[in-house]
């Protein structure tokens, strides 16, 4: 899967800076094409929960974020994310006090 497809799949416009960031993220995480596809599919699946997958502004990682303030939606979001990570054997890290996760790498 091309870097441009990753960006458009996550709702970004393609530009040189974002292309370079995606390359760094993919290099650091060592995801294969199937895992990238799973990340893009997660992005689509969590939209109804006010969630999305994006590039982190502070680190070269993908982040999963929920912007809802409704407890039931937040619970559903967290359940979807945890189930997704378990199913595809992806290691995620929840940021303290936020409804945000970093996608780190695949399980060994």
Protein backbone atom coordinates (compact mmCIF):
# COMPACT_ATOMS: atom_id res chain seq x y z
CA UNK A 1 0.00 0.00 0.00
CA UNK A 2 1.44 3.36 -0.96
CA UNK A 3 2.03 6.14 1.53
CA UNK A 4 -0.41 8.29 -0.41
CA UNK A 5 -3.14 5.65 0.04
CA UNK A 6 -2.46 5.58 3.77
CA UNK A 7 -2.91 9.35 3.95
CA UNK A 8 -6.08 9.45 1.87
CA UNK A 9 -7.47 6.44 3.76
CA UNK A 10 -7.13 8.43 6.98
CA UNK A 11 -8.69 11.54 5.44
CA UNK A 12 -5.54 13.58 4.84
CA UNK A 13 -4.57 15.60 1.81
CA UNK A 14 -1.25 14.41 0.46
CA UNK A 15 1.72 16.73 0.92
CA UNK A 16 5.47 16.22 1.26
CA UNK A 17 5.59 16.72 5.03
CA UNK A 18 2.86 14.16 5.69
CA UNK A 19 4.39 11.67 3.24
CA UNK A 20 7.68 11.91 5.14
CA UNK A 21 5.94 11.52 8.50
CA UNK A 22 4.07 8.41 7.36
CA UNK A 23 7.34 6.95 6.10
CA UNK A 24 8.91 7.53 9.53
CA UNK A 25 5.89 6.02 11.31
CA UNK A 26 5.89 2.94 9.10
CA UNK A 27 9.65 2.52 9.44
CA UNK A 28 9.49 2.72 13.23
CA UNK A 29 6.52 0.36 13.57
CA UNK A 30 7.48 -2.10 10.81
CA UNK A 31 3.84 -2.67 9.81
CA UNK A 32 3.12 -4.70 6.73
CA UNK A 33 0.45 -3.85 4.17
CA UNK A 34 -2.24 -5.95 5.90
CA UNK A 35 -1.66 -4.22 9.25
CA UNK A 36 -1.89 -0.82 7.59
CA UNK A 37 -5.17 -1.92 6.02
CA UNK A 38 -6.44 -2.90 9.50
CA UNK A 39 -5.54 0.59 10.79
CA UNK A 40 -7.46 2.26 7.96
CA UNK A 41 -10.43 -0.05 8.56
CA UNK A 42 -10.38 0.87 12.26
CA UNK A 43 -10.51 4.55 11.26
CA UNK A 44 -13.74 3.87 9.38
CA UNK A 45 -15.20 1.67 12.15
CA UNK A 46 -14.81 4.22 14.96
CA UNK A 47 -16.17 7.24 13.10
CA UNK A 48 -19.65 6.63 14.55
CA UNK A 49 -18.11 6.89 18.03
CA UNK A 50 -16.58 10.30 17.29
CA UNK A 51 -13.29 8.49 16.88
CA UNK A 52 -10.56 8.51 14.29
CA UNK A 53 -7.04 7.36 13.51
CA UNK A 54 -4.55 10.12 12.76
CA UNK A 55 -0.89 10.95 12.74
CA UNK A 56 0.34 12.19 16.10
CA UNK A 57 1.47 15.82 16.17
CA UNK A 58 4.11 15.13 18.80
CA UNK A 59 5.49 11.68 17.91
CA UNK A 60 6.02 9.60 14.79
CA UNK A 61 3.12 7.28 15.56
CA UNK A 62 -0.45 6.71 14.56
CA UNK A 63 -2.91 7.71 17.26
CA UNK A 64 -6.47 6.57 17.87
CA UNK A 65 -8.64 9.24 19.45
CA UNK A 66 -12.21 9.69 20.64
CA UNK A 67 -13.62 13.21 20.86
CA UNK A 68 -16.95 12.29 22.44
CA UNK A 69 -17.80 13.35 26.00
CA UNK A 70 -20.68 10.87 26.31
CA UNK A 71 -19.68 8.01 28.65
CA UNK A 72 -21.53 5.31 26.68
CA UNK A 73 -19.84 6.33 23.43
CA UNK A 74 -16.44 6.50 25.11
CA UNK A 75 -16.97 3.01 26.54
CA UNK A 76 -17.95 1.70 23.11
CA UNK A 77 -14.91 3.36 21.54
CA UNK A 78 -12.54 1.85 24.12
CA UNK A 79 -14.09 -1.58 23.66
CA UNK A 80 -13.72 -1.40 19.86
CA UNK A 81 -10.09 -0.27 20.12
CA UNK A 82 -9.12 -2.92 22.68
CA UNK A 83 -10.86 -5.66 20.69
CA UNK A 84 -9.21 -4.48 17.46
CA UNK A 85 -5.74 -4.48 19.03
CA UNK A 86 -6.24 -7.94 20.48
CA UNK A 87 -7.65 -9.39 17.27
CA UNK A 88 -4.83 -8.10 15.06
CA UNK A 89 -2.09 -8.48 17.70
CA UNK A 90 -1.19 -4.79 17.71
CA UNK A 91 0.37 -3.20 20.76
CA UNK A 92 -1.30 0.06 21.74
CA UNK A 93 -0.63 2.49 24.59
CA UNK A 94 -3.40 4.52 26.23
CA UNK A 95 -2.42 8.04 27.20
CA UNK A 96 -3.22 8.84 30.81
CA UNK A 97 -6.36 10.89 31.32
CA UNK A 98 -7.25 10.95 27.62
CA UNK A 99 -9.32 8.90 25.21
CA UNK A 100 -6.26 8.54 23.01
CA UNK A 101 -4.07 5.58 22.17
CA UNK A 102 -0.78 5.32 20.32
CA UNK A 103 -0.36 2.43 17.92
CA UNK A 104 3.13 1.16 18.75
CA UNK A 105 3.89 -2.04 16.85
CA UNK A 106 2.78 -5.59 16.23
CA UNK A 107 3.15 -8.20 18.94
CA UNK A 108 6.21 -10.42 18.65
